[in-house]
Amino acid sequence: MSARRSAARAMADPLLTAPRAKVPHHGPVTRSCPVECLLTVLSAKSYNPLARADDAPFGEPRTVGDVMDLYACRQLRKIRGIGPRRASELEAALVLAGLNLAGQQRRSAGTEGPAR
């Protein structure tokens, strides 16, 4: 893709990142925290597609627990813009946020995302 097209597309896509002052809290990240709590450990290039859940067969994750469920169900890569590298970054961000992924039971790939 040319640099001009990339720049035009970047301007057309609204960024969903919250200003650092708007991150919900500065305490430990828990499953019940809003997904915005991951902004402290996640790049905008991974956060934006995650928050929008473009072309995914499930709704936008609203909490960190929703993201953990998507990780456990191996559903993260069904989001447009999240490939192997971004999925690895999301996994690392959850660990850096202090969440225990070892206890996450991996369900089959056919399982749907978080219940709404």
PDB file of N, CA and C in Angstrom:
ATOM      1  N   MET A   1       0.858  -1.161   0.000  1.00  0.00           N
ATOM      2  CA  MET A   1       0.000   0.000   0.000  1.00  0.00           C
ATOM      3  C   MET A   1       0.906   1.226   0.000  1.00  0.00           C
ATOM      4  N   SER A   2       0.590   2.221  -0.803  1.00  0.00           N
ATOM      5  CA  SER A   2       1.430   3.407  -0.870  1.00  0.00           C
ATOM      6  C   SER A   2       1.321   4.223   0.405  1.00  0.00           C
ATOM      7  N   ALA A   3       2.330   5.046   0.618  1.00  0.00           N
ATOM      8  CA  ALA A   3       2.348   5.883   1.831  1.00  0.00           C
ATOM      9  C   ALA A   3       1.183   6.854   1.837  1.00  0.00           C
ATOM     10  N   ARG A   4       0.825   7.372   0.668  1.00  0.00           N
ATOM     11  CA  ARG A   4      -0.287   8.321   0.576  1.00  0.00           C
ATOM     12  C   ARG A   4      -1.604   7.650   0.956  1.00  0.00           C
ATOM     13  N   ARG A   5      -1.838   6.430   0.434  1.00  0.00           N
ATOM     14  CA  ARG A   5      -3.070   5.703   0.773  1.00  0.00           C
ATOM     15  C   ARG A   5      -3.102   5.343   2.246  1.00  0.00           C
ATOM     16  N   SER A   6      -1.933   4.954   2.796  1.00  0.00           N
ATOM     17  CA  SER A   6      -1.866   4.621   4.217  1.00  0.00           C
ATOM     18  C   SER A   6      -2.223   5.823   5.070  1.00  0.00           C
ATOM     19  N   ALA A   7      -1.682   6.976   4.720  1.00  0.00           N
ATOM     20  CA  ALA A   7      -1.961   8.194   5.486  1.00  0.00           C
ATOM     21  C   ALA A   7      -3.433   8.574   5.371  1.00  0.00           C
ATOM     22  N   ALA A   8      -4.001   8.462   4.172  1.00  0.00           N
ATOM     23  CA  ALA A   8      -5.416   8.796   3.992  1.00  0.00           C
ATOM     24  C   ALA A   8      -6.301   7.847   4.783  1.00  0.00           C
ATOM     25  N   ARG A   9      -5.958   6.566   4.796  1.00  0.00           N
ATOM     26  CA  ARG A   9      -6.764   5.598   5.544  1.00  0.00           C
ATOM     27  C   ARG A   9      -6.649   5.852   7.048  1.00  0.00           C
ATOM     28  N   ALA A  10      -5.452   6.180   7.513  1.00  0.00           N
ATOM     29  CA  ALA A  10      -5.257   6.450   8.934  1.00  0.00           C
ATOM     30  C   ALA A  10      -6.085   7.644   9.378  1.00  0.00           C
ATOM     31  N   MET A  11      -6.212   8.637   8.508  1.00  0.00           N
ATOM     32  CA  MET A  11      -7.005   9.814   8.860  1.00  0.00           C
ATOM     33  C   MET A  11      -8.488   9.491   8.822  1.00  0.00           C
ATOM     34  N   ALA A  12      -8.901   8.561   7.976  1.00  0.00           N
ATOM     35  CA  ALA A  12     -10.312   8.208   7.851  1.00  0.00           C
ATOM     36  C   ALA A  12     -10.802   7.351   9.010  1.00  0.00           C
ATOM     37  N   ASP A  13      -9.908   6.533   9.576  1.00  0.00           N
ATOM     38  CA  ASP A  13     -10.279   5.667  10.695  1.00  0.00           C
ATOM     39  C   ASP A  13     -10.153   6.436  12.005  1.00  0.00           C
ATOM     40  N   PRO A  14     -11.253   6.644  12.708  1.00  0.00           N
ATOM     41  CA  PRO A  14     -11.140   7.351  13.983  1.00  0.00           C
ATOM     42  C   PRO A  14     -10.427   6.480  15.006  1.00  0.00           C
ATOM     43  N   LEU A  15      -9.552   7.086  15.764  1.00  0.00           N
ATOM     44  CA  LEU A  15      -8.844   6.364  16.805  1.00  0.00           C
ATOM     45  C   LEU A  15      -9.730   6.247  18.024  1.00  0.00           C
ATOM     46  N   LEU A  16      -9.685   5.097  18.668  1.00  0.00           N
ATOM     47  CA  LEU A  16     -10.504   4.858  19.845  1.00  0.00           C
ATOM     48  C   LEU A  16      -9.714   4.978  21.134  1.00  0.00           C
ATOM     49  N   THR A  17      -8.473   5.395  21.038  1.00  0.00           N
ATOM     50  CA  THR A  17      -7.675   5.465  22.250  1.00  0.00           C
ATOM     51  C   THR A  17      -8.176   6.586  23.153  1.00  0.00           C
ATOM     52  N   ALA A  18      -8.166   6.318  24.415  1.00  0.00           N
ATOM     53  CA  ALA A  18      -8.551   7.325  25.399  1.00  0.00           C
ATOM     54  C   ALA A  18      -7.299   8.056  25.849  1.00  0.00           C
ATOM     55  N   PRO A  19      -7.405   9.346  26.116  1.00  0.00           N
ATOM     56  CA  PRO A  19      -6.240  10.047  26.659  1.00  0.00           C
ATOM     57  C   PRO A  19      -5.808   9.385  27.957  1.00  0.00           C
ATOM     58  N   ARG A  20      -4.530   9.406  28.240  1.00  0.00           N
ATOM     59  CA  ARG A  20      -4.005   8.741  29.432  1.00  0.00           C
ATOM     60  C   ARG A  20      -4.726   9.193  30.696  1.00  0.00           C
ATOM     61  N   ALA A  21      -5.160  10.432  30.756  1.00  0.00           N
ATOM     62  CA  ALA A  21      -5.865  10.922  31.945  1.00  0.00           C
ATOM     63  C   ALA A  21      -7.248  10.294  32.077  1.00  0.00           C
ATOM     64  N   LYS A  22      -7.765   9.695  31.016  1.00  0.00           N
ATOM     65  CA  LYS A  22      -9.101   9.112  31.033  1.00  0.00           C
ATOM     66  C   LYS A  22      -9.103   7.620  31.320  1.00  0.00           C
ATOM     67  N   VAL A  23      -7.920   7.022  31.549  1.00  0.00           N
ATOM     68  CA  VAL A  23      -7.882   5.605  31.899  1.00  0.00           C
ATOM     69  C   VAL A  23      -8.649   5.455  33.206  1.00  0.00           C
ATOM     70  N   PRO A  24      -9.579   4.496  33.288  1.00  0.00           N
ATOM     71  CA  PRO A  24     -10.523   4.408  34.400  1.00  0.00           C
ATOM     72  C   PRO A  24      -9.937   4.467  35.800  1.00  0.00           C
ATOM     73  N   HIS A  25      -8.827   3.821  36.058  1.00  0.00           N
ATOM     74  CA  HIS A  25      -8.230   3.877  37.390  1.00  0.00           C
ATOM     75  C   HIS A  25      -6.766   3.496  37.295  1.00  0.00           C
ATOM     76  N   HIS A  26      -6.073   3.617  38.382  1.00  0.00           N
ATOM     77  CA  HIS A  26      -4.644   3.323  38.374  1.00  0.00           C
ATOM     78  C   HIS A  26      -4.302   2.185  39.328  1.00  0.00           C
ATOM     79  N   GLY A  27      -5.282   1.400  39.705  1.00  0.00           N
ATOM     80  CA  GLY A  27      -5.058   0.255  40.579  1.00  0.00           C
ATOM     81  C   GLY A  27      -4.834  -0.998  39.757  1.00  0.00           C
ATOM     82  N   PRO A  28      -4.899  -2.143  40.408  1.00  0.00           N
ATOM     83  CA  PRO A  28      -4.719  -3.403  39.685  1.00  0.00           C
ATOM     84  C   PRO A  28      -5.830  -3.627  38.657  1.00  0.00           C
ATOM     85  N   VAL A  29      -5.456  -4.226  37.546  1.00  0.00           N
ATOM     86  CA  VAL A  29      -6.426  -4.548  36.497  1.00  0.00           C
ATOM     87  C   VAL A  29      -7.086  -5.871  36.865  1.00  0.00           C
ATOM     88  N   THR A  30      -8.412  -5.896  36.813  1.00  0.00           N
ATOM     89  CA  THR A  30      -9.170  -7.105  37.120  1.00  0.00           C
ATOM     90  C   THR A  30     -10.079  -7.443  35.950  1.00  0.00           C
ATOM     91  N   ARG A  31     -10.697  -8.611  35.995  1.00  0.00           N
ATOM     92  CA  ARG A  31     -11.625  -9.036  34.940  1.00  0.00           C
ATOM     93  C   ARG A  31     -12.787  -8.060  34.775  1.00  0.00           C
ATOM     94  N   SER A  32     -13.189  -7.403  35.847  1.00  0.00           N
ATOM     95  CA  SER A  32     -14.351  -6.518  35.771  1.00  0.00           C
ATOM     96  C   SER A  32     -14.002  -5.108  35.297  1.00  0.00           C
ATOM     97  N   CYS A  33     -12.725  -4.813  35.105  1.00  0.00           N
ATOM     98  CA  CYS A  33     -12.307  -3.491  34.628  1.00  0.00           C
ATOM     99  C   CYS A  33     -12.778  -3.277  33.191  1.00  0.00           C
ATOM    100  N   PRO A  34     -13.068  -2.030  32.815  1.00  0.00           N
ATOM    101  CA  PRO A  34     -13.374  -1.748  31.411  1.00  0.00           C
ATOM    102  C   PRO A  34     -12.153  -2.045  30.542  1.00  0.00           C
ATOM    103  N   VAL A  35     -12.391  -2.350  29.296  1.00  0.00           N
ATOM    104  CA  VAL A  35     -11.309  -2.712  28.381  1.00  0.00           C
ATOM    105  C   VAL A  35     -10.285  -1.582  28.265  1.00  0.00           C
ATOM    106  N   GLU A  36     -10.674  -0.345  28.511  1.00  0.00           N
ATOM    107  CA  GLU A  36      -9.762   0.788  28.447  1.00  0.00           C
ATOM    108  C   GLU A  36      -8.610   0.659  29.440  1.00  0.00           C
ATOM    109  N   CYS A  37      -8.770  -0.134  30.481  1.00  0.00           N
ATOM    110  CA  CYS A  37      -7.689  -0.340  31.451  1.00  0.00           C
ATOM    111  C   CYS A  37      -6.463  -0.963  30.794  1.00  0.00           C
ATOM    112  N   LEU A  38      -6.639  -1.621  29.662  1.00  0.00           N
ATOM    113  CA  LEU A  38      -5.503  -2.240  28.975  1.00  0.00           C
ATOM    114  C   LEU A  38      -4.669  -1.223  28.204  1.00  0.00           C
ATOM    115  N   LEU A  39      -5.143   0.022  28.113  1.00  0.00           N
ATOM    116  CA  LEU A  39      -4.389   1.045  27.388  1.00  0.00           C
ATOM    117  C   LEU A  39      -3.016   1.293  27.992  1.00  0.00           C
ATOM    118  N   THR A  40      -2.846   1.017  29.273  1.00  0.00           N
ATOM    119  CA  THR A  40      -1.550   1.247  29.904  1.00  0.00           C
ATOM    120  C   THR A  40      -0.516   0.199  29.502  1.00  0.00           C
ATOM    121  N   VAL A  41      -0.943  -0.932  28.964  1.00  0.00           N
ATOM    122  CA  VAL A  41      -0.013  -2.007  28.605  1.00  0.00           C
ATOM    123  C   VAL A  41      -0.151  -2.466  27.156  1.00  0.00           C
ATOM    124  N   LEU A  42      -0.954  -1.767  26.364  1.00  0.00           N
ATOM    125  CA  LEU A  42      -1.253  -2.204  25.004  1.00  0.00           C
ATOM    126  C   LEU A  42      -1.053  -1.052  24.030  1.00  0.00           C
ATOM    127  N   SER A  43      -0.504  -1.351  22.861  1.00  0.00           N
ATOM    128  CA  SER A  43      -0.322  -0.307  21.848  1.00  0.00           C
ATOM    129  C   SER A  43      -1.665   0.052  21.227  1.00  0.00           C
ATOM    130  N   ALA A  44      -1.731   1.249  20.673  1.00  0.00           N
ATOM    131  CA  ALA A  44      -2.945   1.703  19.996  1.00  0.00           C
ATOM    132  C   ALA A  44      -3.257   0.820  18.790  1.00  0.00           C
ATOM    133  N   LYS A  45      -2.216   0.303  18.128  1.00  0.00           N
ATOM    134  CA  LYS A  45      -2.432  -0.552  16.955  1.00  0.00           C
ATOM    135  C   LYS A  45      -3.100  -1.874  17.308  1.00  0.00           C
ATOM    136  N   SER A  46      -2.987  -2.297  18.539  1.00  0.00           N
ATOM    137  CA  SER A  46      -3.689  -3.504  18.984  1.00  0.00           C
ATOM    138  C   SER A  46      -5.007  -3.148  19.675  1.00  0.00           C
ATOM    139  N   TYR A  47      -4.997  -2.054  20.434  1.00  0.00           N
ATOM    140  CA  TYR A  47      -6.205  -1.678  21.173  1.00  0.00           C
ATOM    141  C   TYR A  47      -7.349  -1.286  20.237  1.00  0.00           C
ATOM    142  N   ASN A  48      -7.064  -0.498  19.210  1.00  0.00           N
ATOM    143  CA  ASN A  48      -8.133   0.009  18.345  1.00  0.00           C
ATOM    144  C   ASN A  48      -8.950  -1.099  17.679  1.00  0.00           C
ATOM    145  N   PRO A  49      -8.327  -2.075  17.001  1.00  0.00           N
ATOM    146  CA  PRO A  49      -9.151  -3.138  16.414  1.00  0.00           C
ATOM    147  C   PRO A  49      -9.865  -3.977  17.475  1.00  0.00           C
ATOM    148  N   LEU A  50      -9.205  -4.181  18.608  1.00  0.00           N
ATOM    149  CA  LEU A  50      -9.828  -4.951  19.690  1.00  0.00           C
ATOM    150  C   LEU A  50     -11.095  -4.248  20.173  1.00  0.00           C
ATOM    151  N   ALA A  51     -10.998  -2.953  20.415  1.00  0.00           N
ATOM    152  CA  ALA A  51     -12.137  -2.197  20.942  1.00  0.00           C
ATOM    153  C   ALA A  51     -13.289  -2.117  19.949  1.00  0.00           C
ATOM    154  N   ARG A  52     -12.979  -2.111  18.655  1.00  0.00           N
ATOM    155  CA  ARG A  52     -14.030  -2.044  17.627  1.00  0.00           C
ATOM    156  C   ARG A  52     -14.583  -3.414  17.273  1.00  0.00           C
ATOM    157  N   ALA A  53     -13.753  -4.452  17.384  1.00  0.00           N
ATOM    158  CA  ALA A  53     -14.112  -5.823  17.002  1.00  0.00           C
ATOM    159  C   ALA A  53     -14.670  -5.864  15.578  1.00  0.00           C
ATOM    160  N   ASP A  54     -13.963  -5.181  14.663  1.00  0.00           N
ATOM    161  CA  ASP A  54     -14.396  -5.125  13.271  1.00  0.00           C
ATOM    162  C   ASP A  54     -14.520  -6.503  12.647  1.00  0.00           C
ATOM    163  N   ASP A  55     -15.631  -6.728  11.965  1.00  0.00           N
ATOM    164  CA  ASP A  55     -15.900  -7.963  11.214  1.00  0.00           C
ATOM    165  C   ASP A  55     -15.858  -9.223  12.072  1.00  0.00           C
ATOM    166  N   ALA A  56     -15.971  -9.094  13.364  1.00  0.00           N
ATOM    167  CA  ALA A  56     -15.947 -10.258  14.251  1.00  0.00           C
ATOM    168  C   ALA A  56     -17.364 -10.809  14.418  1.00  0.00           C
ATOM    169  N   PRO A  57     -17.496 -12.113  14.642  1.00  0.00           N
ATOM    170  CA  PRO A  57     -18.820 -12.723  14.827  1.00  0.00           C
ATOM    171  C   PRO A  57     -19.373 -12.529  16.236  1.00  0.00           C
ATOM    172  N   PHE A  58     -18.826 -11.567  16.968  1.00  0.00           N
ATOM    173  CA  PHE A  58     -19.268 -11.284  18.339  1.00  0.00           C
ATOM    174  C   PHE A  58     -19.188  -9.783  18.555  1.00  0.00           C
ATOM    175  N   GLY A  59     -19.755  -9.315  19.639  1.00  0.00           N
ATOM    176  CA  GLY A  59     -19.770  -7.893  19.952  1.00  0.00           C
ATOM    177  C   GLY A  59     -18.442  -7.397  20.493  1.00  0.00           C
ATOM    178  N   GLU A  60     -18.345  -6.091  20.620  1.00  0.00           N
ATOM    179  CA  GLU A  60     -17.139  -5.467  21.155  1.00  0.00           C
ATOM    180  C   GLU A  60     -16.925  -5.887  22.605  1.00  0.00           C
ATOM    181  N   PRO A  61     -15.697  -6.209  22.968  1.00  0.00           N
ATOM    182  CA  PRO A  61     -15.440  -6.536  24.373  1.00  0.00           C
ATOM    183  C   PRO A  61     -15.568  -5.262  25.212  1.00  0.00           C
ATOM    184  N   ARG A  62     -16.295  -5.362  26.297  1.00  0.00           N
ATOM    185  CA  ARG A  62     -16.500  -4.195  27.162  1.00  0.00           C
ATOM    186  C   ARG A  62     -15.618  -4.233  28.407  1.00  0.00           C
ATOM    187  N   THR A  63     -15.227  -5.425  28.821  1.00  0.00           N
ATOM    188  CA  THR A  63     -14.409  -5.565  30.027  1.00  0.00           C
ATOM    189  C   THR A  63     -13.144  -6.360  29.718  1.00  0.00           C
ATOM    190  N   VAL A  64     -12.207  -6.294  30.634  1.00  0.00           N
ATOM    191  CA  VAL A  64     -10.989  -7.091  30.512  1.00  0.00           C
ATOM    192  C   VAL A  64     -11.355  -8.574  30.538  1.00  0.00           C
ATOM    193  N   GLY A  65     -12.367  -8.932  31.306  1.00  0.00           N
ATOM    194  CA  GLY A  65     -12.839 -10.312  31.344  1.00  0.00           C
ATOM    195  C   GLY A  65     -13.318 -10.785  29.980  1.00  0.00           C
ATOM    196  N   ASP A  66     -13.988  -9.896  29.237  1.00  0.00           N
ATOM    197  CA  ASP A  66     -14.409 -10.247  27.874  1.00  0.00           C
ATOM    198  C   ASP A  66     -13.191 -10.561  27.004  1.00  0.00           C
ATOM    199  N   VAL A  67     -12.140  -9.754  27.136  1.00  0.00           N
ATOM    200  CA  VAL A  67     -10.916  -9.981  26.356  1.00  0.00           C
ATOM    201  C   VAL A  67     -10.283 -11.307  26.766  1.00  0.00           C
ATOM    202  N   MET A  68     -10.269 -11.587  28.058  1.00  0.00           N
ATOM    203  CA  MET A  68      -9.711 -12.860  28.531  1.00  0.00           C
ATOM    204  C   MET A  68     -10.527 -14.037  27.998  1.00  0.00           C
ATOM    205  N   ASP A  69     -11.844 -13.886  27.942  1.00  0.00           N
ATOM    206  CA  ASP A  69     -12.689 -14.951  27.395  1.00  0.00           C
ATOM    207  C   ASP A  69     -12.413 -15.153  25.906  1.00  0.00           C
ATOM    208  N   LEU A  70     -12.244 -14.052  25.171  1.00  0.00           N
ATOM    209  CA  LEU A  70     -11.911 -14.159  23.749  1.00  0.00           C
ATOM    210  C   LEU A  70     -10.560 -14.854  23.563  1.00  0.00           C
ATOM    211  N   TYR A  71      -9.615 -14.528  24.425  1.00  0.00           N
ATOM    212  CA  TYR A  71      -8.305 -15.187  24.390  1.00  0.00           C
ATOM    213  C   TYR A  71      -8.470 -16.688  24.659  1.00  0.00           C
ATOM    214  N   ALA A  72      -9.220 -17.014  25.693  1.00  0.00           N
ATOM    215  CA  ALA A  72      -9.399 -18.419  26.079  1.00  0.00           C
ATOM    216  C   ALA A  72     -10.097 -19.217  24.979  1.00  0.00           C
ATOM    217  N   CYS A  73     -11.005 -18.578  24.267  1.00  0.00           N
ATOM    218  CA  CYS A  73     -11.762 -19.248  23.189  1.00  0.00           C
ATOM    219  C   CYS A  73     -11.033 -19.191  21.850  1.00  0.00           C
ATOM    220  N   ARG A  74      -9.853 -18.573  21.854  1.00  0.00           N
ATOM    221  CA  ARG A  74      -9.084 -18.398  20.617  1.00  0.00           C
ATOM    222  C   ARG A  74      -9.879 -17.638  19.562  1.00  0.00           C
ATOM    223  N   GLN A  75     -10.529 -16.585  19.995  1.00  0.00           N
ATOM    224  CA  GLN A  75     -11.368 -15.790  19.104  1.00  0.00           C
ATOM    225  C   GLN A  75     -10.719 -14.465  18.698  1.00  0.00           C
ATOM    226  N   LEU A  76      -9.612 -14.080  19.313  1.00  0.00           N
ATOM    227  CA  LEU A  76      -9.011 -12.776  19.044  1.00  0.00           C
ATOM    228  C   LEU A  76      -8.665 -12.595  17.572  1.00  0.00           C
ATOM    229  N   ARG A  77      -8.203 -13.638  16.922  1.00  0.00           N
ATOM    230  CA  ARG A  77      -7.782 -13.515  15.521  1.00  0.00           C
ATOM    231  C   ARG A  77      -8.952 -13.416  14.559  1.00  0.00           C
ATOM    232  N   LYS A  78     -10.168 -13.546  15.049  1.00  0.00           N
ATOM    233  CA  LYS A  78     -11.340 -13.346  14.197  1.00  0.00           C
ATOM    234  C   LYS A  78     -11.662 -11.867  14.025  1.00  0.00           C
ATOM    235  N   ILE A  79     -10.950 -11.019  14.751  1.00  0.00           N
ATOM    236  CA  ILE A  79     -11.123  -9.571  14.645  1.00  0.00           C
ATOM    237  C   ILE A  79     -10.215  -9.064  13.533  1.00  0.00           C
ATOM    238  N   ARG A  80     -10.802  -8.323  12.586  1.00  0.00           N
ATOM    239  CA  ARG A  80     -10.000  -7.762  11.498  1.00  0.00           C
ATOM    240  C   ARG A  80      -8.940  -6.836  12.100  1.00  0.00           C
ATOM    241  N   GLY A  81      -7.703  -7.027  11.688  1.00  0.00           N
ATOM    242  CA  GLY A  81      -6.608  -6.209  12.184  1.00  0.00           C
ATOM    243  C   GLY A  81      -5.813  -6.872  13.294  1.00  0.00           C
ATOM    244  N   ILE A  82      -6.267  -8.022  13.744  1.00  0.00           N
ATOM    245  CA  ILE A  82      -5.513  -8.757  14.772  1.00  0.00           C
ATOM    246  C   ILE A  82      -5.045 -10.070  14.172  1.00  0.00           C
ATOM    247  N   GLY A  83      -3.760 -10.092  13.867  1.00  0.00           N
ATOM    248  CA  GLY A  83      -3.132 -11.301  13.348  1.00  0.00           C
ATOM    249  C   GLY A  83      -2.303 -11.940  14.447  1.00  0.00           C
ATOM    250  N   PRO A  84      -1.384 -12.801  14.086  1.00  0.00           N
ATOM    251  CA  PRO A  84      -0.584 -13.494  15.090  1.00  0.00           C
ATOM    252  C   PRO A  84       0.227 -12.544  15.987  1.00  0.00           C
ATOM    253  N   ARG A  85       0.806 -11.505  15.398  1.00  0.00           N
ATOM    254  CA  ARG A  85       1.630 -10.580  16.184  1.00  0.00           C
ATOM    255  C   ARG A  85       0.775  -9.809  17.186  1.00  0.00           C
ATOM    256  N   ARG A  86      -0.354  -9.277  16.752  1.00  0.00           N
ATOM    257  CA  ARG A  86      -1.236  -8.512  17.652  1.00  0.00           C
ATOM    258  C   ARG A  86      -1.845  -9.424  18.723  1.00  0.00           C
ATOM    259  N   ALA A  87      -2.186 -10.654  18.352  1.00  0.00           N
ATOM    260  CA  ALA A  87      -2.732 -11.593  19.334  1.00  0.00           C
ATOM    261  C   ALA A  87      -1.692 -11.890  20.411  1.00  0.00           C
ATOM    262  N   SER A  88      -0.428 -12.026  20.000  1.00  0.00           N
ATOM    263  CA  SER A  88       0.651 -12.240  20.977  1.00  0.00           C
ATOM    264  C   SER A  88       0.827 -11.020  21.863  1.00  0.00           C
ATOM    265  N   GLU A  89       0.709  -9.830  21.277  1.00  0.00           N
ATOM    266  CA  GLU A  89       0.812  -8.610  22.073  1.00  0.00           C
ATOM    267  C   GLU A  89      -0.326  -8.528  23.088  1.00  0.00           C
ATOM    268  N   LEU A  90      -1.535  -8.903  22.672  1.00  0.00           N
ATOM    269  CA  LEU A  90      -2.677  -8.900  23.596  1.00  0.00           C
ATOM    270  C   LEU A  90      -2.451  -9.883  24.741  1.00  0.00           C
ATOM    271  N   GLU A  91      -1.939 -11.047  24.423  1.00  0.00           N
ATOM    272  CA  GLU A  91      -1.642 -12.042  25.464  1.00  0.00           C
ATOM    273  C   GLU A  91      -0.615 -11.483  26.454  1.00  0.00           C
ATOM    274  N   ALA A  92       0.455 -10.888  25.920  1.00  0.00           N
ATOM    275  CA  ALA A  92       1.486 -10.313  26.779  1.00  0.00           C
ATOM    276  C   ALA A  92       0.931  -9.162  27.619  1.00  0.00           C
ATOM    277  N   ALA A  93       0.042  -8.352  27.033  1.00  0.00           N
ATOM    278  CA  ALA A  93      -0.548  -7.231  27.765  1.00  0.00           C
ATOM    279  C   ALA A  93      -1.385  -7.718  28.941  1.00  0.00           C
ATOM    280  N   LEU A  94      -2.115  -8.800  28.744  1.00  0.00           N
ATOM    281  CA  LEU A  94      -2.917  -9.355  29.839  1.00  0.00           C
ATOM    282  C   LEU A  94      -2.015  -9.823  30.976  1.00  0.00           C
ATOM    283  N   VAL A  95      -0.893 -10.444  30.617  1.00  0.00           N
ATOM    284  CA  VAL A  95       0.055 -10.908  31.637  1.00  0.00           C
ATOM    285  C   VAL A  95       0.708  -9.707  32.324  1.00  0.00           C
ATOM    286  N   LEU A  96       1.129  -8.701  31.532  1.00  0.00           N
ATOM    287  CA  LEU A  96       1.741  -7.503  32.114  1.00  0.00           C
ATOM    288  C   LEU A  96       0.779  -6.744  33.019  1.00  0.00           C
ATOM    289  N   ALA A  97      -0.501  -6.847  32.727  1.00  0.00           N
ATOM    290  CA  ALA A  97      -1.513  -6.190  33.564  1.00  0.00           C
ATOM    291  C   ALA A  97      -1.699  -6.932  34.883  1.00  0.00           C
ATOM    292  N   GLY A  98      -1.042  -8.082  35.015  1.00  0.00           N
ATOM    293  CA  GLY A  98      -1.106  -8.832  36.262  1.00  0.00           C
ATOM    294  C   GLY A  98      -2.181  -9.899  36.291  1.00  0.00           C
ATOM    295  N   LEU A  99      -2.712 -10.239  35.129  1.00  0.00           N
ATOM    296  CA  LEU A  99      -3.778 -11.241  35.060  1.00  0.00           C
ATOM    297  C   LEU A  99      -3.175 -12.623  34.847  1.00  0.00           C
ATOM    298  N   ASN A 100      -3.778 -13.626  35.448  1.00  0.00           N
ATOM    299  CA  ASN A 100      -3.281 -14.991  35.378  1.00  0.00           C
ATOM    300  C   ASN A 100      -3.977 -15.723  34.228  1.00  0.00           C
ATOM    301  N   LEU A 101      -3.254 -15.932  33.149  1.00  0.00           N
ATOM    302  CA  LEU A 101      -3.824 -16.647  32.005  1.00  0.00           C
ATOM    303  C   LEU A 101      -3.655 -18.150  32.137  1.00  0.00           C
ATOM    304  N   ALA A 102      -2.819 -18.595  33.063  1.00  0.00           N
ATOM    305  CA  ALA A 102      -2.602 -20.031  33.243  1.00  0.00           C
ATOM    306  C   ALA A 102      -3.895 -20.721  33.665  1.00  0.00           C
ATOM    307  N   GLY A 103      -4.752 -20.039  34.384  1.00  0.00           N
ATOM    308  CA  GLY A 103      -6.012 -20.606  34.839  1.00  0.00           C
ATOM    309  C   GLY A 103      -7.099 -20.575  33.786  1.00  0.00           C
ATOM    310  N   GLN A 104      -6.814 -19.912  32.667  1.00  0.00           N
ATOM    311  CA  GLN A 104      -7.817 -19.825  31.605  1.00  0.00           C
ATOM    312  C   GLN A 104      -7.910 -21.165  30.892  1.00  0.00           C
ATOM    313  N   GLN A 105      -9.074 -21.758  30.937  1.00  0.00           N
ATOM    314  CA  GLN A 105      -9.285 -23.028  30.260  1.00  0.00           C
ATOM    315  C   GLN A 105      -9.537 -22.739  28.789  1.00  0.00           C
ATOM    316  N   ARG A 106      -8.720 -23.291  27.934  1.00  0.00           N
ATOM    317  CA  ARG A 106      -8.889 -23.066  26.498  1.00  0.00           C
ATOM    318  C   ARG A 106     -10.044 -23.908  25.993  1.00  0.00           C
ATOM    319  N   ARG A 107     -11.035 -23.204  25.457  1.00  0.00           N
ATOM    320  CA  ARG A 107     -12.195 -23.898  24.890  1.00  0.00           C
ATOM    321  C   ARG A 107     -11.988 -24.110  23.407  1.00  0.00           C
ATOM    322  N   SER A 108     -12.840 -24.855  22.803  1.00  0.00           N
ATOM    323  CA  SER A 108     -12.691 -25.156  21.383  1.00  0.00           C
ATOM    324  C   SER A 108     -12.834 -23.888  20.552  1.00  0.00           C
ATOM    325  N   ALA A 109     -12.215 -23.886  19.382  1.00  0.00           N
ATOM    326  CA  ALA A 109     -12.255 -22.720  18.505  1.00  0.00           C
ATOM    327  C   ALA A 109     -13.659 -22.413  18.008  1.00  0.00           C
ATOM    328  N   GLY A 110     -14.570 -23.362  18.068  1.00  0.00           N
ATOM    329  CA  GLY A 110     -15.929 -23.140  17.617  1.00  0.00           C
ATOM    330  C   GLY A 110     -16.802 -22.445  18.644  1.00  0.00           C
ATOM    331  N   THR A 111     -16.320 -22.290  19.858  1.00  0.00           N
ATOM    332  CA  THR A 111     -17.087 -21.642  20.902  1.00  0.00           C
ATOM    333  C   THR A 111     -17.220 -20.159  20.608  1.00  0.00           C
ATOM    334  N   GLU A 112     -18.398 -19.610  20.834  1.00  0.00           N
ATOM    335  CA  GLU A 112     -18.631 -18.191  20.589  1.00  0.00           C
ATOM    336  C   GLU A 112     -17.913 -17.353  21.621  1.00  0.00           C
ATOM    337  N   GLY A 113     -17.822 -16.060  21.367  1.00  0.00           N
ATOM    338  CA  GLY A 113     -17.166 -15.105  22.249  1.00  0.00           C
ATOM    339  C   GLY A 113     -17.952 -14.877  23.517  1.00  0.00           C
ATOM    340  N   PRO A 114     -17.675 -13.782  24.222  1.00  0.00           N
ATOM    341  CA  PRO A 114     -18.309 -13.521  25.498  1.00  0.00           C
ATOM    342  C   PRO A 114     -19.818 -13.364  25.361  1.00  0.00           C
ATOM    343  N   ALA A 115     -20.521 -13.879  26.338  1.00  0.00           N
ATOM    344  CA  ALA A 115     -21.982 -13.768  26.322  1.00  0.00           C
ATOM    345  C   ALA A 115     -22.381 -12.343  26.639  1.00  0.00           C
ATOM    346  N   ARG A 116     -23.417 -11.885  26.026  1.00  0.00           N
ATOM    347  CA  ARG A 116     -23.906 -10.515  26.249  1.00  0.00           C
ATOM    348  C   ARG A 116     -25.243 -10.568  26.913  1.00  0.00           C
TER     349      ARG A 116
END
